[in-house]
Structure formats: structure tokens, C-alpha cells
PDB file of N, CA and C in Angstrom:
ATOM      1  N   UNK A   1      49.725  -5.771  85.574  1.00  0.00           N
ATOM      2  CA  UNK A   1      48.022  -5.598  86.043  1.00  0.00           C
ATOM      3  C   UNK A   1      47.241  -4.750  84.664  1.00  0.00           C
ATOM      4  N   UNK A   2      46.389  -5.550  84.071  1.00  0.00           N
ATOM      5  CA  UNK A   2      45.280  -4.610  83.609  1.00  0.00           C
ATOM      6  C   UNK A   2      44.037  -4.662  84.166  1.00  0.00           C
ATOM      7  N   UNK A   3      43.040  -3.968  84.292  1.00  0.00           N
ATOM      8  CA  UNK A   3      42.067  -3.552  84.582  1.00  0.00           C
ATOM      9  C   UNK A   3      41.438  -2.745  83.807  1.00  0.00           C
ATOM     10  N   UNK A   4      39.916  -3.009  83.510  1.00  0.00           N
ATOM     11  CA  UNK A   4      39.551  -2.411  82.580  1.00  0.00           C
ATOM     12  C   UNK A   4      38.016  -2.387  83.001  1.00  0.00           C
ATOM     13  N   UNK A   5      37.023  -1.245  82.641  1.00  0.00           N
ATOM     14  CA  UNK A   5      35.994  -1.167  83.304  1.00  0.00           C
ATOM     15  C   UNK A   5      35.110  -0.541  82.378  1.00  0.00           C
ATOM     16  N   UNK A   6      33.887  -0.769  82.407  1.00  0.00           N
ATOM     17  CA  UNK A   6      32.774  -0.446  81.234  1.00  0.00           C
ATOM     18  C   UNK A   6      31.251   0.166  82.122  1.00  0.00           C
ATOM     19  N   UNK A   7      31.378   1.488  82.234  1.00  0.00           N
ATOM     20  CA  UNK A   7      30.470   2.238  83.094  1.00  0.00           C
ATOM     21  C   UNK A   7      28.902   1.897  82.854  1.00  0.00           C
ATOM     22  N   UNK A   8      27.883   1.871  83.433  1.00  0.00           N
ATOM     23  CA  UNK A   8      26.451   1.885  82.933  1.00  0.00           C
ATOM     24  C   UNK A   8      26.445   0.289  82.588  1.00  0.00           C
ATOM     25  N   UNK A   9      26.932  -0.954  83.432  1.00  0.00           N
ATOM     26  CA  UNK A   9      26.774  -2.068  83.341  1.00  0.00           C
ATOM     27  C   UNK A   9      25.462  -2.397  84.112  1.00  0.00           C
ATOM     28  N   UNK A  10      24.629  -2.692  83.321  1.00  0.00           N
ATOM     29  CA  UNK A  10      23.078  -3.420  84.097  1.00  0.00           C
ATOM     30  C   UNK A  10      23.487  -5.138  83.744  1.00  0.00           C
ATOM     31  N   UNK A  11      23.182  -5.484  85.517  1.00  0.00           N
ATOM     32  CA  UNK A  11      22.914  -6.917  85.735  1.00  0.00           C
ATOM     33  C   UNK A  11      21.416  -7.304  85.607  1.00  0.00           C
ATOM     34  N   UNK A  12      20.815  -8.239  84.651  1.00  0.00           N
ATOM     35  CA  UNK A  12      19.298  -8.067  84.555  1.00  0.00           C
ATOM     36  C   UNK A  12      18.847  -8.806  86.029  1.00  0.00           C
ATOM     37  N   UNK A  13      19.217  -9.548  86.611  1.00  0.00           N
ATOM     38  CA  UNK A  13      19.259 -10.665  87.531  1.00  0.00           C
ATOM     39  C   UNK A  13      18.885  -9.275  88.896  1.00  0.00           C
ATOM     40  N   UNK A  14      20.215  -8.469  88.855  1.00  0.00           N
ATOM     41  CA  UNK A  14      20.230  -7.115  89.757  1.00  0.00           C
ATOM     42  C   UNK A  14      18.708  -6.356  89.489  1.00  0.00           C
ATOM     43  N   UNK A  15      18.648  -6.118  88.248  1.00  0.00           N
ATOM     44  CA  UNK A  15      17.368  -5.033  88.047  1.00  0.00           C
ATOM     45  C   UNK A  15      16.182  -6.036  88.394  1.00  0.00           C
ATOM     46  N   UNK A  16      16.030  -7.250  88.262  1.00  0.00           N
ATOM     47  CA  UNK A  16      14.657  -8.024  88.836  1.00  0.00           C
ATOM     48  C   UNK A  16      14.699  -7.778  90.048  1.00  0.00           C
ATOM     49  N   UNK A  17      15.610  -8.113  90.936  1.00  0.00           N
ATOM     50  CA  UNK A  17      15.480  -7.948  92.666  1.00  0.00           C
ATOM     51  C   UNK A  17      15.354  -6.655  93.263  1.00  0.00           C
ATOM     52  N   UNK A  18      15.880  -5.681  92.122  1.00  0.00           N
ATOM     53  CA  UNK A  18      15.532  -4.403  92.762  1.00  0.00           C
ATOM     54  C   UNK A  18      13.949  -3.911  92.776  1.00  0.00           C
ATOM     55  N   UNK A  19      13.685  -4.245  91.291  1.00  0.00           N
ATOM     56  CA  UNK A  19      12.031  -4.218  91.099  1.00  0.00           C
ATOM     57  C   UNK A  19      11.075  -4.663  92.252  1.00  0.00           C
ATOM     58  N   UNK A  20      11.577  -6.320  92.496  1.00  0.00           N
ATOM     59  CA  UNK A  20      10.986  -6.936  93.519  1.00  0.00           C
ATOM     60  C   UNK A  20      10.685  -6.236  94.950  1.00  0.00           C
ATOM     61  N   UNK A  21      11.722  -5.635  95.169  1.00  0.00           N
ATOM     62  CA  UNK A  21      12.496  -4.870  96.655  1.00  0.00           C
ATOM     63  C   UNK A  21      11.433  -3.732  96.462  1.00  0.00           C
ATOM     64  N   UNK A  22      11.056  -2.780  95.470  1.00  0.00           N
ATOM     65  CA  UNK A  22      10.571  -1.872  95.311  1.00  0.00           C
ATOM     66  C   UNK A  22       9.311  -1.781  95.758  1.00  0.00           C
ATOM     67  N   UNK A  23       8.894  -3.176  95.388  1.00  0.00           N
ATOM     68  CA  UNK A  23       7.226  -3.569  95.089  1.00  0.00           C
ATOM     69  C   UNK A  23       7.002  -3.951  96.707  1.00  0.00           C
ATOM     70  N   UNK A  24       7.874  -4.696  97.320  1.00  0.00           N
ATOM     71  CA  UNK A  24       7.670  -4.594  98.807  1.00  0.00           C
ATOM     72  C   UNK A  24       8.112  -3.565  99.749  1.00  0.00           C
ATOM     73  N   UNK A  25       8.531  -2.512  98.849  1.00  0.00           N
ATOM     74  CA  UNK A  25       8.712  -1.309 100.028  1.00  0.00           C
ATOM     75  C   UNK A  25      10.233  -1.290 100.872  1.00  0.00           C
ATOM     76  N   UNK A  26      10.828  -2.036 100.138  1.00  0.00           N
ATOM     77  CA  UNK A  26      12.588  -1.951 100.671  1.00  0.00           C
ATOM     78  C   UNK A  26      13.329  -1.047  99.954  1.00  0.00           C
ATOM     79  N   UNK A  27      14.219  -0.336 100.881  1.00  0.00           N
ATOM     80  CA  UNK A  27      15.160   0.305 100.130  1.00  0.00           C
ATOM     81  C   UNK A  27      15.994  -0.719  98.888  1.00  0.00           C
ATOM     82  N   UNK A  28      16.101  -0.421  98.203  1.00  0.00           N
ATOM     83  CA  UNK A  28      16.983  -1.159  97.028  1.00  0.00           C
ATOM     84  C   UNK A  28      18.398  -0.939  97.105  1.00  0.00           C
ATOM     85  N   UNK A  29      19.254  -1.874  96.747  1.00  0.00           N
ATOM     86  CA  UNK A  29      20.367  -2.222  96.918  1.00  0.00           C
ATOM     87  C   UNK A  29      21.138  -0.877  96.086  1.00  0.00           C
ATOM     88  N   UNK A  30      21.986   0.043  96.247  1.00  0.00           N
ATOM     89  CA  UNK A  30      22.272   0.758  95.700  1.00  0.00           C
ATOM     90  C   UNK A  30      23.752   0.849  94.575  1.00  0.00           C
ATOM     91  N   UNK A  31      24.495   0.016  95.433  1.00  0.00           N
ATOM     92  CA  UNK A  31      25.898  -0.120  94.931  1.00  0.00           C
ATOM     93  C   UNK A  31      26.059  -1.769  94.568  1.00  0.00           C
ATOM     94  N   UNK A  32      26.928  -2.032  93.982  1.00  0.00           N
ATOM     95  CA  UNK A  32      27.489  -3.512  93.429  1.00  0.00           C
ATOM     96  C   UNK A  32      29.215  -3.242  92.998  1.00  0.00           C
ATOM     97  N   UNK A  33      29.811  -4.367  92.949  1.00  0.00           N
ATOM     98  CA  UNK A  33      31.051  -4.284  92.272  1.00  0.00           C
ATOM     99  C   UNK A  33      30.824  -5.663  91.474  1.00  0.00           C
ATOM    100  N   UNK A  34      31.484  -5.763  90.171  1.00  0.00           N
ATOM    101  CA  UNK A  34      31.181  -6.525  89.561  1.00  0.00           C
ATOM    102  C   UNK A  34      32.781  -6.798  88.905  1.00  0.00           C
ATOM    103  N   UNK A  35      33.127  -8.375  88.736  1.00  0.00           N
ATOM    104  CA  UNK A  35      34.551  -8.259  88.051  1.00  0.00           C
ATOM    105  C   UNK A  35      34.353  -9.870  87.053  1.00  0.00           C
ATOM    106  N   UNK A  36      34.912  -9.398  86.091  1.00  0.00           N
ATOM    107  CA  UNK A  36      35.187 -10.557  85.456  1.00  0.00           C
ATOM    108  C   UNK A  36      36.710 -10.895  85.269  1.00  0.00           C
ATOM    109  N   UNK A  37      37.014 -12.001  85.654  1.00  0.00           N
ATOM    110  CA  UNK A  37      38.669 -12.070  85.513  1.00  0.00           C
ATOM    111  C   UNK A  37      38.911 -13.283  84.338  1.00  0.00           C
ATOM    112  N   UNK A  38      40.230 -13.336  84.042  1.00  0.00           N
ATOM    113  CA  UNK A  38      41.035 -13.747  83.107  1.00  0.00           C
ATOM    114  C   UNK A  38      41.987 -14.408  83.636  1.00  0.00           C
ATOM    115  N   UNK A  39      42.480 -15.629  83.501  1.00  0.00           N
ATOM    116  CA  UNK A  39      43.723 -16.045  83.804  1.00  0.00           C
ATOM    117  C   UNK A  39      44.572 -16.369  82.630  1.00  0.00           C
ATOM    118  N   UNK A  40      45.923 -16.122  83.193  1.00  0.00           N
ATOM    119  CA  UNK A  40      46.916 -16.595  82.026  1.00  0.00           C
ATOM    120  C   UNK A  40      47.789 -17.346  82.642  1.00  0.00           C
ATOM    121  N   UNK A  41      48.385 -17.678  83.518  1.00  0.00           N
ATOM    122  CA  UNK A  41      49.368 -18.562  84.210  1.00  0.00           C
ATOM    123  C   UNK A  41      48.267 -20.020  84.488  1.00  0.00           C
ATOM    124  N   UNK A  42      47.126 -19.488  84.879  1.00  0.00           N
ATOM    125  CA  UNK A  42      46.195 -20.329  85.337  1.00  0.00           C
ATOM    126  C   UNK A  42      45.179 -20.774  83.964  1.00  0.00           C
ATOM    127  N   UNK A  43      44.381 -21.202  84.432  1.00  0.00           N
ATOM    128  CA  UNK A  43      43.595 -21.407  82.885  1.00  0.00           C
ATOM    129  C   UNK A  43      42.555 -20.089  83.034  1.00  0.00           C
ATOM    130  N   UNK A  44      42.109 -20.093  81.302  1.00  0.00           N
ATOM    131  CA  UNK A  44      41.984 -18.965  81.067  1.00  0.00           C
ATOM    132  C   UNK A  44      40.365 -18.334  81.801  1.00  0.00           C
ATOM    133  N   UNK A  45      39.384 -19.527  82.236  1.00  0.00           N
ATOM    134  CA  UNK A  45      38.651 -19.262  83.051  1.00  0.00           C
ATOM    135  C   UNK A  45      38.449 -18.718  84.166  1.00  0.00           C
ATOM    136  N   UNK A  46      39.807 -18.970  84.874  1.00  0.00           N
ATOM    137  CA  UNK A  46      40.203 -18.626  86.167  1.00  0.00           C
ATOM    138  C   UNK A  46      39.121 -19.160  86.926  1.00  0.00           C
ATOM    139  N   UNK A  47      39.023 -20.762  86.390  1.00  0.00           N
ATOM    140  CA  UNK A  47      37.922 -21.448  87.427  1.00  0.00           C
ATOM    141  C   UNK A  47      38.567 -21.971  88.897  1.00  0.00           C
ATOM    142  N   UNK A  48      38.422 -21.785  89.765  1.00  0.00           N
ATOM    143  CA  UNK A  48      39.223 -21.873  91.027  1.00  0.00           C
ATOM    144  C   UNK A  48      39.734 -20.576  91.705  1.00  0.00           C
ATOM    145  N   UNK A  49      39.340 -19.620  90.970  1.00  0.00           N
ATOM    146  CA  UNK A  49      39.981 -18.339  91.668  1.00  0.00           C
ATOM    147  C   UNK A  49      39.440 -17.452  92.747  1.00  0.00           C
ATOM    148  N   UNK A  50      40.322 -17.423  93.827  1.00  0.00           N
ATOM    149  CA  UNK A  50      39.081 -16.929  94.789  1.00  0.00           C
ATOM    150  C   UNK A  50      39.397 -15.285  95.081  1.00  0.00           C
ATOM    151  N   UNK A  51      37.979 -14.360  95.078  1.00  0.00           N
ATOM    152  CA  UNK A  51      37.976 -13.253  94.931  1.00  0.00           C
ATOM    153  C   UNK A  51      37.629 -12.828  96.790  1.00  0.00           C
ATOM    154  N   UNK A  52      38.507 -11.792  97.354  1.00  0.00           N
ATOM    155  CA  UNK A  52      37.896 -11.288  98.713  1.00  0.00           C
ATOM    156  C   UNK A  52      37.969  -9.939  98.974  1.00  0.00           C
ATOM    157  N   UNK A  53      36.464  -9.606  98.685  1.00  0.00           N
ATOM    158  CA  UNK A  53      36.123  -8.352  98.843  1.00  0.00           C
ATOM    159  C   UNK A  53      36.302  -7.525 100.193  1.00  0.00           C
ATOM    160  N   UNK A  54      36.998  -6.416 100.496  1.00  0.00           N
ATOM    161  CA  UNK A  54      37.208  -5.790 101.559  1.00  0.00           C
ATOM    162  C   UNK A  54      36.562  -4.062 101.942  1.00  0.00           C
ATOM    163  N   UNK A  55      35.922  -4.375 102.828  1.00  0.00           N
ATOM    164  CA  UNK A  55      35.157  -2.677 103.109  1.00  0.00           C
ATOM    165  C   UNK A  55      34.452  -2.393 103.858  1.00  0.00           C
ATOM    166  N   UNK A  56      34.680  -1.275 104.566  1.00  0.00           N
ATOM    167  CA  UNK A  56      33.895  -1.136 106.023  1.00  0.00           C
ATOM    168  C   UNK A  56      34.499  -1.856 107.433  1.00  0.00           C
ATOM    169  N   UNK A  57      35.466  -2.715 106.904  1.00  0.00           N
ATOM    170  CA  UNK A  57      36.021  -3.469 107.770  1.00  0.00           C
ATOM    171  C   UNK A  57      34.809  -4.722 107.725  1.00  0.00           C
ATOM    172  N   UNK A  58      34.479  -5.266 106.406  1.00  0.00           N
ATOM    173  CA  UNK A  58      33.633  -6.658 106.075  1.00  0.00           C
ATOM    174  C   UNK A  58      34.841  -6.931 105.195  1.00  0.00           C
ATOM    175  N   UNK A  59      34.437  -8.576 104.895  1.00  0.00           N
ATOM    176  CA  UNK A  59      35.285  -9.299 104.411  1.00  0.00           C
ATOM    177  C   UNK A  59      33.763 -10.046 103.495  1.00  0.00           C
ATOM    178  N   UNK A  60      33.694 -10.007 102.035  1.00  0.00           N
ATOM    179  CA  UNK A  60      32.913 -11.064 101.120  1.00  0.00           C
ATOM    180  C   UNK A  60      34.010 -12.017 100.246  1.00  0.00           C
ATOM    181  N   UNK A  61      33.456 -13.014 100.367  1.00  0.00           N
ATOM    182  CA  UNK A  61      34.360 -14.171  99.809  1.00  0.00           C
ATOM    183  C   UNK A  61      33.703 -14.588  98.640  1.00  0.00           C
ATOM    184  N   UNK A  62      34.174 -14.755  97.281  1.00  0.00           N
ATOM    185  CA  UNK A  62      33.515 -15.532  96.195  1.00  0.00           C
ATOM    186  C   UNK A  62      34.967 -16.728  95.491  1.00  0.00           C
ATOM    187  N   UNK A  63      34.108 -17.541  94.979  1.00  0.00           N
ATOM    188  CA  UNK A  63      35.067 -18.455  94.334  1.00  0.00           C
ATOM    189  C   UNK A  63      34.696 -18.615  92.747  1.00  0.00           C
ATOM    190  N   UNK A  64      35.202 -18.668  91.689  1.00  0.00           N
ATOM    191  CA  UNK A  64      34.826 -18.536  90.193  1.00  0.00           C
ATOM    192  C   UNK A  64      34.672 -20.196  90.090  1.00  0.00           C
ATOM    193  N   UNK A  65      33.427 -20.310  89.374  1.00  0.00           N
ATOM    194  CA  UNK A  65      32.752 -22.129  89.455  1.00  0.00           C
ATOM    195  C   UNK A  65      32.790 -22.181  88.161  1.00  0.00           C
ATOM    196  N   UNK A  66      32.822 -23.629  87.651  1.00  0.00           N
ATOM    197  CA  UNK A  66      32.461 -23.806  86.042  1.00  0.00           C
ATOM    198  C   UNK A  66      30.772 -23.847  86.814  1.00  0.00           C
ATOM    199  N   UNK A  67      30.285 -24.471  87.422  1.00  0.00           N
ATOM    200  CA  UNK A  67      29.123 -25.300  87.806  1.00  0.00           C
ATOM    201  C   UNK A  67      28.726 -25.327  89.263  1.00  0.00           C
ATOM    202  N   UNK A  68      27.772 -25.184  89.408  1.00  0.00           N
ATOM    203  CA  UNK A  68      27.483 -25.454  90.983  1.00  0.00           C
ATOM    204  C   UNK A  68      26.154 -26.644  91.268  1.00  0.00           C
ATOM    205  N   UNK A  69      25.784 -26.633  90.143  1.00  0.00           N
ATOM    206  CA  UNK A  69      24.759 -28.176  90.037  1.00  0.00           C
ATOM    207  C   UNK A  69      24.959 -28.908  88.932  1.00  0.00           C
ATOM    208  N   UNK A  70      23.873 -29.772  89.001  1.00  0.00           N
ATOM    209  CA  UNK A  70      23.608 -30.651  87.833  1.00  0.00           C
ATOM    210  C   UNK A  70      23.163 -30.346  86.870  1.00  0.00           C
ATOM    211  N   UNK A  71      24.132 -30.450  85.648  1.00  0.00           N
ATOM    212  CA  UNK A  71      23.687 -29.870  84.185  1.00  0.00           C
ATOM    213  C   UNK A  71      23.330 -28.291  84.278  1.00  0.00           C
ATOM    214  N   UNK A  72      24.483 -27.719  85.008  1.00  0.00           N
ATOM    215  CA  UNK A  72      24.429 -26.327  84.842  1.00  0.00           C
ATOM    216  C   UNK A  72      25.776 -25.613  84.607  1.00  0.00           C
ATOM    217  N   UNK A  73      25.792 -24.646  84.298  1.00  0.00           N
ATOM    218  CA  UNK A  73      26.767 -23.518  84.085  1.00  0.00           C
ATOM    219  C   UNK A  73      26.430 -22.260  84.543  1.00  0.00           C
ATOM    220  N   UNK A  74      27.944 -21.739  85.355  1.00  0.00           N
ATOM    221  CA  UNK A  74      27.255 -20.664  85.977  1.00  0.00           C
ATOM    222  C   UNK A  74      28.238 -19.470  85.235  1.00  0.00           C
ATOM    223  N   UNK A  75      27.949 -18.138  84.893  1.00  0.00           N
ATOM    224  CA  UNK A  75      28.255 -16.842  84.690  1.00  0.00           C
ATOM    225  C   UNK A  75      29.843 -16.629  85.446  1.00  0.00           C
ATOM    226  N   UNK A  76      30.572 -16.645  84.392  1.00  0.00           N
ATOM    227  CA  UNK A  76      32.161 -16.057  85.315  1.00  0.00           C
ATOM    228  C   UNK A  76      32.286 -14.757  86.163  1.00  0.00           C
ATOM    229  N   UNK A  77      30.947 -13.766  85.849  1.00  0.00           N
ATOM    230  CA  UNK A  77      31.074 -12.378  86.593  1.00  0.00           C
ATOM    231  C   UNK A  77      31.041 -12.686  87.677  1.00  0.00           C
ATOM    232  N   UNK A  78      31.697 -12.280  88.882  1.00  0.00           N
ATOM    233  CA  UNK A  78      31.712 -12.309  90.474  1.00  0.00           C
ATOM    234  C   UNK A  78      30.849 -10.956  90.857  1.00  0.00           C
ATOM    235  N   UNK A  79      29.942 -10.729  91.340  1.00  0.00           N
ATOM    236  CA  UNK A  79      28.976  -9.985  91.684  1.00  0.00           C
ATOM    237  C   UNK A  79      28.808  -9.931  93.322  1.00  0.00           C
ATOM    238  N   UNK A  80      29.331  -8.403  93.947  1.00  0.00           N
ATOM    239  CA  UNK A  80      29.196  -8.501  94.941  1.00  0.00           C
ATOM    240  C   UNK A  80      28.018  -7.021  95.234  1.00  0.00           C
ATOM    241  N   UNK A  81      27.570  -7.099  96.148  1.00  0.00           N
ATOM    242  CA  UNK A  81      25.886  -6.230  96.347  1.00  0.00           C
ATOM    243  C   UNK A  81      26.760  -5.799  97.614  1.00  0.00           C
ATOM    244  N   UNK A  82      26.703  -4.238  97.647  1.00  0.00           N
ATOM    245  CA  UNK A  82      27.717  -3.688  98.360  1.00  0.00           C
ATOM    246  C   UNK A  82      26.657  -2.819  99.665  1.00  0.00           C
ATOM    247  N   UNK A  83      25.300  -2.790  99.105  1.00  0.00           N
ATOM    248  CA  UNK A  83      24.349  -2.283  99.974  1.00  0.00           C
ATOM    249  C   UNK A  83      24.578  -0.716  99.683  1.00  0.00           C
ATOM    250  N   UNK A  84      24.625   0.236 101.123  1.00  0.00           N
ATOM    251  CA  UNK A  84      24.569   1.736 100.854  1.00  0.00           C
ATOM    252  C   UNK A  84      26.104   1.937 100.967  1.00  0.00           C
ATOM    253  N   UNK A  85      27.050   1.272 100.523  1.00  0.00           N
ATOM    254  CA  UNK A  85      28.243   1.415 100.599  1.00  0.00           C
ATOM    255  C   UNK A  85      28.885   2.569  99.671  1.00  0.00           C
ATOM    256  N   UNK A  86      29.821   3.229  99.659  1.00  0.00           N
ATOM    257  CA  UNK A  86      30.045   4.309  98.477  1.00  0.00           C
ATOM    258  C   UNK A  86      31.480   4.053  98.045  1.00  0.00           C
ATOM    259  N   UNK A  87      32.048   2.801  98.845  1.00  0.00           N
ATOM    260  CA  UNK A  87      33.384   2.822  98.256  1.00  0.00           C
ATOM    261  C   UNK A  87      34.117   1.361  98.759  1.00  0.00           C
ATOM    262  N   UNK A  88      34.903   0.873  98.034  1.00  0.00           N
ATOM    263  CA  UNK A  88      35.406  -0.556  98.514  1.00  0.00           C
ATOM    264  C   UNK A  88      36.760   0.037  98.269  1.00  0.00           C
ATOM    265  N   UNK A  89      37.426  -1.221  99.994  1.00  0.00           N
ATOM    266  CA  UNK A  89      38.827  -0.339 100.317  1.00  0.00           C
ATOM    267  C   UNK A  89      39.628  -1.592  99.171  1.00  0.00           C
ATOM    268  N   UNK A  90      40.022  -3.047  99.054  1.00  0.00           N
ATOM    269  CA  UNK A  90      40.267  -3.672  98.082  1.00  0.00           C
ATOM    270  C   UNK A  90      39.540  -4.693  97.755  1.00  0.00           C
ATOM    271  N   UNK A  91      40.202  -5.462  96.311  1.00  0.00           N
ATOM    272  CA  UNK A  91      40.036  -6.610  96.155  1.00  0.00           C
ATOM    273  C   UNK A  91      41.277  -7.527  96.162  1.00  0.00           C
ATOM    274  N   UNK A  92      41.253  -8.712  96.747  1.00  0.00           N
ATOM    275  CA  UNK A  92      42.333  -9.465  96.613  1.00  0.00           C
ATOM    276  C   UNK A  92      41.926 -10.598  95.887  1.00  0.00           C
ATOM    277  N   UNK A  93      42.259 -11.110  94.886  1.00  0.00           N
ATOM    278  CA  UNK A  93      42.530 -11.916  93.861  1.00  0.00           C
ATOM    279  C   UNK A  93      43.546 -13.346  94.303  1.00  0.00           C
ATOM    280  N   UNK A  94      43.176 -14.170  94.295  1.00  0.00           N
ATOM    281  CA  UNK A  94      44.151 -15.952  94.671  1.00  0.00           C
ATOM    282  C   UNK A  94      43.923 -16.745  93.573  1.00  0.00           C
ATOM    283  N   UNK A  95      44.806 -16.608  92.814  1.00  0.00           N
ATOM    284  CA  UNK A  95      44.688 -17.367  91.108  1.00  0.00           C
ATOM    285  C   UNK A  95      45.167 -18.765  91.832  1.00  0.00           C
ATOM    286  N   UNK A  96      44.640 -19.483  90.874  1.00  0.00           N
ATOM    287  CA  UNK A  96      44.870 -20.866  90.805  1.00  0.00           C
ATOM    288  C   UNK A  96      46.212 -21.421  90.861  1.00  0.00           C
ATOM    289  N   UNK A  97      47.174 -20.458  90.042  1.00  0.00           N
ATOM    290  CA  UNK A  97      48.489 -20.576  90.036  1.00  0.00           C
ATOM    291  C   UNK A  97      49.363 -20.679  91.058  1.00  0.00           C
ATOM    292  N   UNK A  98      48.710 -19.643  92.094  1.00  0.00           N
ATOM    293  CA  UNK A  98      48.765 -19.335  93.569  1.00  0.00           C
ATOM    294  C   UNK A  98      49.562 -18.236  93.686  1.00  0.00           C
ATOM    295  N   UNK A  99      49.296 -17.256  92.552  1.00  0.00           N
ATOM    296  CA  UNK A  99      49.357 -15.779  92.730  1.00  0.00           C
ATOM    297  C   UNK A  99      48.586 -14.979  93.076  1.00  0.00           C
ATOM    298  N   UNK A 100      48.894 -14.025  94.039  1.00  0.00           N
ATOM    299  CA  UNK A 100      47.871 -12.816  94.381  1.00  0.00           C
ATOM    300  C   UNK A 100      48.204 -11.814  94.028  1.00  0.00           C
ATOM    301  N   UNK A 101      46.744 -11.335  93.723  1.00  0.00           N
ATOM    302  CA  UNK A 101      47.082  -9.980  92.820  1.00  0.00           C
ATOM    303  C   UNK A 101      45.808  -8.764  93.988  1.00  0.00           C
ATOM    304  N   UNK A 102      46.169  -7.826  94.175  1.00  0.00           N
ATOM    305  CA  UNK A 102      45.680  -7.015  94.806  1.00  0.00           C
ATOM    306  C   UNK A 102      45.083  -5.549  94.343  1.00  0.00           C
ATOM    307  N   UNK A 103      43.813  -5.477  93.829  1.00  0.00           N
ATOM    308  CA  UNK A 103      43.270  -4.174  93.429  1.00  0.00           C
ATOM    309  C   UNK A 103      42.933  -3.304  94.759  1.00  0.00           C
ATOM    310  N   UNK A 104      43.683  -1.878  94.650  1.00  0.00           N
ATOM    311  CA  UNK A 104      43.336  -1.224  95.745  1.00  0.00           C
ATOM    312  C   UNK A 104      41.919  -0.112  95.098  1.00  0.00           C
ATOM    313  N   UNK A 105      41.204  -0.002  96.109  1.00  0.00           N
ATOM    314  CA  UNK A 105      39.815   1.176  95.597  1.00  0.00           C
ATOM    315  C   UNK A 105      39.455   0.925  94.520  1.00  0.00           C
ATOM    316  N   UNK A 106      39.110  -0.362  93.858  1.00  0.00           N
ATOM    317  CA  UNK A 106      37.887  -0.312  92.487  1.00  0.00           C
ATOM    318  C   UNK A 106      37.076   0.583  93.072  1.00  0.00           C
ATOM    319  N   UNK A 107      36.541   1.266  91.672  1.00  0.00           N
ATOM    320  CA  UNK A 107      35.384   1.858  91.093  1.00  0.00           C
ATOM    321  C   UNK A 107      34.127   1.422  91.218  1.00  0.00           C
ATOM    322  N   UNK A 108      33.165   1.454  92.392  1.00  0.00           N
ATOM    323  CA  UNK A 108      31.826   0.390  92.202  1.00  0.00           C
ATOM    324  C   UNK A 108      31.162   1.081  91.159  1.00  0.00           C
ATOM    325  N   UNK A 109      29.690  -0.080  90.891  1.00  0.00           N
ATOM    326  CA  UNK A 109      29.016   0.072  90.028  1.00  0.00           C
ATOM    327  C   UNK A 109      29.383   0.073  88.627  1.00  0.00           C
ATOM    328  N   UNK A 110      30.603  -0.641  88.402  1.00  0.00           N
ATOM    329  CA  UNK A 110      31.450  -0.642  87.086  1.00  0.00           C
ATOM    330  C   UNK A 110      32.058  -2.066  86.795  1.00  0.00           C
ATOM    331  N   UNK A 111      31.998  -3.027  85.585  1.00  0.00           N
ATOM    332  CA  UNK A 111      32.218  -4.409  85.552  1.00  0.00           C
ATOM    333  C   UNK A 111      33.903  -3.975  85.410  1.00  0.00           C
ATOM    334  N   UNK A 112      34.719  -4.798  86.060  1.00  0.00           N
ATOM    335  CA  UNK A 112      36.055  -4.860  86.364  1.00  0.00           C
ATOM    336  C   UNK A 112      36.737  -6.245  85.325  1.00  0.00           C
ATOM    337  N   UNK A 113      37.129  -6.034  84.448  1.00  0.00           N
ATOM    338  CA  UNK A 113      37.794  -7.107  83.641  1.00  0.00           C
ATOM    339  C   UNK A 113      39.383  -7.050  84.118  1.00  0.00           C
ATOM    340  N   UNK A 114      39.806  -8.141  84.787  1.00  0.00           N
ATOM    341  CA  UNK A 114      41.093  -8.069  85.522  1.00  0.00           C
ATOM    342  C   UNK A 114      41.897  -9.318  84.980  1.00  0.00           C
ATOM    343  N   UNK A 115      43.010  -9.321  84.283  1.00  0.00           N
ATOM    344  CA  UNK A 115      43.806 -10.144  83.747  1.00  0.00           C
ATOM    345  C   UNK A 115      45.314 -10.482  84.909  1.00  0.00           C
ATOM    346  N   UNK A 116      44.709 -11.799  85.057  1.00  0.00           N
ATOM    347  CA  UNK A 116      46.217 -12.290  85.849  1.00  0.00           C
ATOM    348  C   UNK A 116      47.253 -11.841  85.264  1.00  0.00           C
ATOM    349  N   UNK A 117      48.149 -11.162  86.506  1.00  0.00           N
ATOM    350  CA  UNK A 117      49.797 -11.077  86.041  1.00  0.00           C
ATOM    351  C   UNK A 117      50.341 -12.073  85.447  1.00  0.00           C
ATOM    352  N   UNK A 118      51.324 -12.150  84.491  1.00  0.00           N
ATOM    353  CA  UNK A 118      52.145 -13.110  84.221  1.00  0.00           C
ATOM    354  C   UNK A 118      53.777 -13.251  85.149  1.00  0.00           C
ATOM    355  N   UNK A 119      53.635 -14.350  85.766  1.00  0.00           N
ATOM    356  CA  UNK A 119      55.164 -14.728  86.966  1.00  0.00           C
ATOM    357  C   UNK A 119      56.181 -14.804  85.692  1.00  0.00           C
ATOM    358  N   UNK A 120      57.119 -14.090  86.286  1.00  0.00           N
ATOM    359  CA  UNK A 120      58.418 -14.087  85.139  1.00  0.00           C
ATOM    360  C   UNK A 120      59.729 -14.769  86.294  1.00  0.00           C
TER     361      UNK A 120
END
């Protein structure tokens, strides 16, 4: 398993959302987890991969898609807002090849680059 992180990553969309929330007097979302995954046995863009984020008894599920609308293209990064949570239990990735990969306790507020393991 290969996992790389980049500290200090700022998502422009999250920054705009935070500014709007502050203008409305709401508490901004403080923590997030961002993953960029790359297939090896599956397609390199990991289209169709399903990620389950588990923390504090909750589960959020997202799927990597090439596009979700007419003439659109999606960013391949998967972004989870965690609110005031300070830790994540695990991320479970179900790759299009059928392989399941689990990352225990990933750091928050970082970009995680995860490569699909090669089945032997």
C-alpha cells in the first residue's frame, strides 16, 4: 500500500464555503479528509471506486465518477467534511477490480494519495 500526504492543502471550494458560513455567523467546518486514489489493476483514474469513511459511529460513502452531468467533468479527489471531528477511524476503498483496501486512522486536513495494491 502506498499512501502519501501533503500538509497545508487548501481546497478553493472549501475556502469559499467557509467564508460564506462566517458571513452568516455559522461555525465553519473545521476538519476534512481529502483522498486522491489511483488504480493499478483497475483503471488508473479509479473511476467506479467506492470509498467509505467511518468515524464516530458514522459512515459517509462516495464513488469516484468521471462526470455527473451533461458535458461535465469531475475532479477525481474525494472530499469529506468532518465538522468538528478530530479523528477518522478508517477509510475502506472498494476498487473496480474487486480488491478491498482499508486505511486505518488516516490523518485529517491532508491530501492522501492512495495507490491500488497489485494482486498477485
